N, C-alpha and C. Protein backbone atom coordinates (compact mmCIF):
# COMPACT_ATOMS: atom_id res chain seq x y z
N MET A 1 -2.79 -0.18 42.61
CA MET A 1 -2.89 -0.56 41.21
C MET A 1 -4.08 -1.51 41.06
N SER A 2 -4.89 -1.30 40.04
CA SER A 2 -6.06 -2.14 39.87
C SER A 2 -5.68 -3.50 39.31
N GLU A 3 -6.55 -4.46 39.55
CA GLU A 3 -6.32 -5.83 39.07
C GLU A 3 -6.21 -5.85 37.55
N GLN A 4 -6.98 -5.00 36.89
CA GLN A 4 -6.97 -4.94 35.43
C GLN A 4 -5.59 -4.53 34.91
N GLN A 5 -4.96 -3.57 35.54
CA GLN A 5 -3.65 -3.10 35.09
C GLN A 5 -2.54 -4.11 35.37
N ILE A 6 -2.68 -4.88 36.43
CA ILE A 6 -1.69 -5.90 36.74
C ILE A 6 -1.62 -6.92 35.61
N ASN A 7 -2.76 -7.23 35.02
CA ASN A 7 -2.84 -8.24 33.96
C ASN A 7 -2.69 -7.64 32.56
N ASN A 8 -2.47 -6.37 32.45
CA ASN A 8 -2.34 -5.71 31.16
C ASN A 8 -0.87 -5.67 30.75
N PRO A 9 -0.47 -6.45 29.72
CA PRO A 9 0.94 -6.49 29.33
C PRO A 9 1.44 -5.18 28.71
N LEU A 10 0.51 -4.28 28.37
CA LEU A 10 0.91 -3.01 27.77
C LEU A 10 1.00 -1.88 28.80
N HIS A 11 0.63 -2.17 30.03
CA HIS A 11 0.65 -1.13 31.07
C HIS A 11 2.08 -0.62 31.29
N GLY A 12 2.25 0.68 31.18
CA GLY A 12 3.56 1.30 31.42
C GLY A 12 4.50 1.27 30.23
N ILE A 13 4.04 0.78 29.10
CA ILE A 13 4.88 0.72 27.90
C ILE A 13 4.33 1.71 26.88
N THR A 14 5.20 2.55 26.37
CA THR A 14 4.76 3.55 25.40
C THR A 14 4.70 2.95 24.01
N LEU A 15 3.95 3.60 23.15
CA LEU A 15 3.86 3.18 21.76
C LEU A 15 5.24 3.23 21.09
N GLU A 16 6.04 4.20 21.46
CA GLU A 16 7.39 4.31 20.91
C GLU A 16 8.24 3.10 21.34
N GLN A 17 8.12 2.68 22.58
CA GLN A 17 8.85 1.50 23.04
C GLN A 17 8.39 0.24 22.29
N ILE A 18 7.11 0.14 22.06
CA ILE A 18 6.57 -0.99 21.30
C ILE A 18 7.15 -1.00 19.89
N MET A 19 7.11 0.16 19.24
CA MET A 19 7.63 0.23 17.87
C MET A 19 9.12 -0.07 17.81
N ASN A 20 9.90 0.48 18.72
CA ASN A 20 11.34 0.21 18.73
C ASN A 20 11.61 -1.28 18.92
N SER A 21 10.87 -1.90 19.79
CA SER A 21 11.04 -3.34 20.04
C SER A 21 10.70 -4.15 18.79
N LEU A 22 9.58 -3.82 18.14
CA LEU A 22 9.18 -4.56 16.94
C LEU A 22 10.17 -4.37 15.80
N VAL A 23 10.65 -3.15 15.62
CA VAL A 23 11.62 -2.89 14.55
C VAL A 23 12.93 -3.62 14.85
N ASP A 24 13.36 -3.61 16.10
CA ASP A 24 14.58 -4.35 16.48
C ASP A 24 14.41 -5.85 16.25
N ASN A 25 13.23 -6.34 16.56
CA ASN A 25 12.98 -7.77 16.46
C ASN A 25 12.77 -8.25 15.03
N TYR A 26 11.99 -7.51 14.23
CA TYR A 26 11.61 -7.95 12.90
C TYR A 26 12.30 -7.18 11.77
N GLY A 27 12.61 -5.92 11.99
CA GLY A 27 13.07 -5.05 10.91
C GLY A 27 11.86 -4.50 10.17
N TRP A 28 12.07 -3.42 9.44
CA TRP A 28 10.95 -2.76 8.76
C TRP A 28 10.31 -3.65 7.70
N SER A 29 11.12 -4.35 6.93
CA SER A 29 10.59 -5.17 5.84
C SER A 29 9.65 -6.26 6.36
N ALA A 30 10.11 -7.02 7.34
CA ALA A 30 9.28 -8.09 7.89
C ALA A 30 8.07 -7.53 8.64
N LEU A 31 8.25 -6.40 9.29
CA LEU A 31 7.14 -5.76 9.99
C LEU A 31 6.07 -5.34 8.99
N GLY A 32 6.50 -4.77 7.86
CA GLY A 32 5.56 -4.37 6.81
C GLY A 32 4.84 -5.54 6.17
N LYS A 33 5.48 -6.72 6.16
CA LYS A 33 4.81 -7.91 5.64
C LYS A 33 3.80 -8.46 6.64
N ARG A 34 4.11 -8.35 7.91
CA ARG A 34 3.20 -8.84 8.95
C ARG A 34 1.99 -7.94 9.11
N ILE A 35 2.22 -6.64 9.03
CA ILE A 35 1.15 -5.66 9.14
C ILE A 35 1.29 -4.72 7.94
N SER A 36 0.39 -4.86 7.00
CA SER A 36 0.50 -4.08 5.76
C SER A 36 0.00 -2.65 5.97
N ILE A 37 0.94 -1.81 6.37
CA ILE A 37 0.66 -0.39 6.58
C ILE A 37 1.71 0.37 5.77
N ARG A 38 1.28 1.36 5.02
CA ARG A 38 2.18 2.09 4.13
C ARG A 38 3.38 2.68 4.86
N CYS A 39 3.17 3.19 6.07
CA CYS A 39 4.29 3.82 6.79
C CYS A 39 5.34 2.81 7.23
N PHE A 40 5.03 1.50 7.14
CA PHE A 40 6.02 0.47 7.42
C PHE A 40 6.76 0.05 6.15
N ASN A 41 6.15 0.30 5.00
CA ASN A 41 6.70 -0.19 3.74
C ASN A 41 7.31 0.89 2.85
N SER A 42 6.89 2.11 3.02
CA SER A 42 7.36 3.19 2.16
C SER A 42 8.06 4.25 3.00
N ASP A 43 9.37 4.31 2.90
CA ASP A 43 10.19 5.26 3.66
C ASP A 43 9.86 5.22 5.15
N PRO A 44 10.02 4.05 5.78
CA PRO A 44 9.60 3.89 7.18
C PRO A 44 10.48 4.64 8.17
N SER A 45 9.84 5.10 9.21
CA SER A 45 10.55 5.71 10.34
C SER A 45 9.67 5.58 11.57
N ILE A 46 10.29 5.63 12.71
CA ILE A 46 9.54 5.56 13.97
C ILE A 46 8.60 6.76 14.06
N LYS A 47 9.10 7.94 13.72
CA LYS A 47 8.31 9.16 13.83
C LYS A 47 7.04 9.09 12.98
N SER A 48 7.16 8.71 11.71
CA SER A 48 5.98 8.65 10.84
C SER A 48 5.02 7.55 11.30
N SER A 49 5.57 6.45 11.78
CA SER A 49 4.73 5.36 12.26
C SER A 49 3.94 5.78 13.49
N LEU A 50 4.60 6.44 14.43
CA LEU A 50 3.91 6.90 15.64
C LEU A 50 2.79 7.87 15.30
N LYS A 51 3.06 8.78 14.38
CA LYS A 51 2.05 9.75 13.99
C LYS A 51 0.82 9.04 13.42
N PHE A 52 1.05 8.06 12.54
CA PHE A 52 -0.05 7.32 11.94
C PHE A 52 -0.79 6.47 12.98
N LEU A 53 -0.04 5.75 13.79
CA LEU A 53 -0.66 4.84 14.75
C LEU A 53 -1.47 5.58 15.81
N ARG A 54 -1.05 6.76 16.18
CA ARG A 54 -1.80 7.54 17.18
C ARG A 54 -3.14 8.02 16.64
N LYS A 55 -3.25 8.14 15.32
CA LYS A 55 -4.49 8.61 14.69
C LYS A 55 -5.36 7.47 14.17
N THR A 56 -4.83 6.24 14.18
CA THR A 56 -5.52 5.13 13.52
C THR A 56 -5.67 3.95 14.48
N PRO A 57 -6.79 3.89 15.19
CA PRO A 57 -6.98 2.86 16.21
C PRO A 57 -6.84 1.42 15.71
N TRP A 58 -7.37 1.11 14.52
CA TRP A 58 -7.29 -0.27 14.03
C TRP A 58 -5.84 -0.69 13.80
N ALA A 59 -5.02 0.22 13.31
CA ALA A 59 -3.61 -0.10 13.06
C ALA A 59 -2.86 -0.24 14.38
N ARG A 60 -3.16 0.62 15.32
CA ARG A 60 -2.50 0.54 16.63
C ARG A 60 -2.82 -0.79 17.30
N LYS A 61 -4.08 -1.25 17.19
CA LYS A 61 -4.45 -2.53 17.79
C LYS A 61 -3.66 -3.68 17.17
N LYS A 62 -3.45 -3.63 15.86
CA LYS A 62 -2.66 -4.67 15.20
C LYS A 62 -1.22 -4.67 15.69
N VAL A 63 -0.66 -3.48 15.85
CA VAL A 63 0.73 -3.36 16.34
C VAL A 63 0.81 -3.86 17.78
N GLU A 64 -0.12 -3.47 18.61
CA GLU A 64 -0.12 -3.92 20.00
C GLU A 64 -0.30 -5.43 20.09
N ARG A 65 -1.16 -6.01 19.25
CA ARG A 65 -1.37 -7.45 19.25
C ARG A 65 -0.09 -8.18 18.83
N LEU A 66 0.60 -7.68 17.81
CA LEU A 66 1.85 -8.29 17.38
C LEU A 66 2.89 -8.21 18.49
N TYR A 67 2.95 -7.09 19.18
CA TYR A 67 3.89 -6.93 20.28
C TYR A 67 3.62 -7.95 21.39
N ILE A 68 2.36 -8.10 21.77
CA ILE A 68 2.00 -9.07 22.81
C ILE A 68 2.32 -10.49 22.37
N ASN A 69 2.01 -10.82 21.12
CA ASN A 69 2.32 -12.15 20.61
C ASN A 69 3.82 -12.40 20.59
N THR A 70 4.59 -11.37 20.27
CA THR A 70 6.05 -11.48 20.26
C THR A 70 6.57 -11.72 21.68
N LEU A 71 6.04 -10.99 22.64
CA LEU A 71 6.42 -11.20 24.04
C LEU A 71 6.10 -12.62 24.50
N ASN A 72 4.93 -13.09 24.15
CA ASN A 72 4.52 -14.44 24.54
C ASN A 72 5.41 -15.50 23.90
N SER A 73 5.78 -15.30 22.65
CA SER A 73 6.68 -16.24 21.97
C SER A 73 8.04 -16.28 22.63
N LYS A 74 8.55 -15.10 23.01
CA LYS A 74 9.86 -15.04 23.68
C LYS A 74 9.80 -15.75 25.03
N ARG A 75 8.72 -15.56 25.75
CA ARG A 75 8.57 -16.20 27.06
C ARG A 75 8.54 -17.73 26.93
N LYS A 76 7.82 -18.21 25.92
CA LYS A 76 7.74 -19.65 25.69
C LYS A 76 9.12 -20.22 25.34
N ARG A 77 9.88 -19.50 24.52
CA ARG A 77 11.23 -19.96 24.17
C ARG A 77 12.13 -19.97 25.39
N ASP A 78 11.99 -18.95 26.24
CA ASP A 78 12.81 -18.87 27.44
C ASP A 78 12.52 -20.00 28.42
N LEU A 79 11.27 -20.45 28.45
CA LEU A 79 10.88 -21.51 29.37
C LEU A 79 11.30 -22.90 28.89
N SER A 80 11.52 -23.03 27.59
CA SER A 80 11.89 -24.36 27.08
C SER A 80 13.37 -24.60 27.06
């Protein structure tokens, strides 16, 4: 395994796993407020979100960034 992948928090995690985690953690309403994407605010579903995110790099980056920030926040809470 390369050094780059060892330090990549997204390595081995699918976009579907990321979305399920974010929806479980925030819910659709709060997720739509954090990242203003129509598929999060209008009749949201994992399937429609995945379809959109796979075609839209800027939106996927925002979702991945929120996921990483959420992981980091949980780790900080666990350490305190």
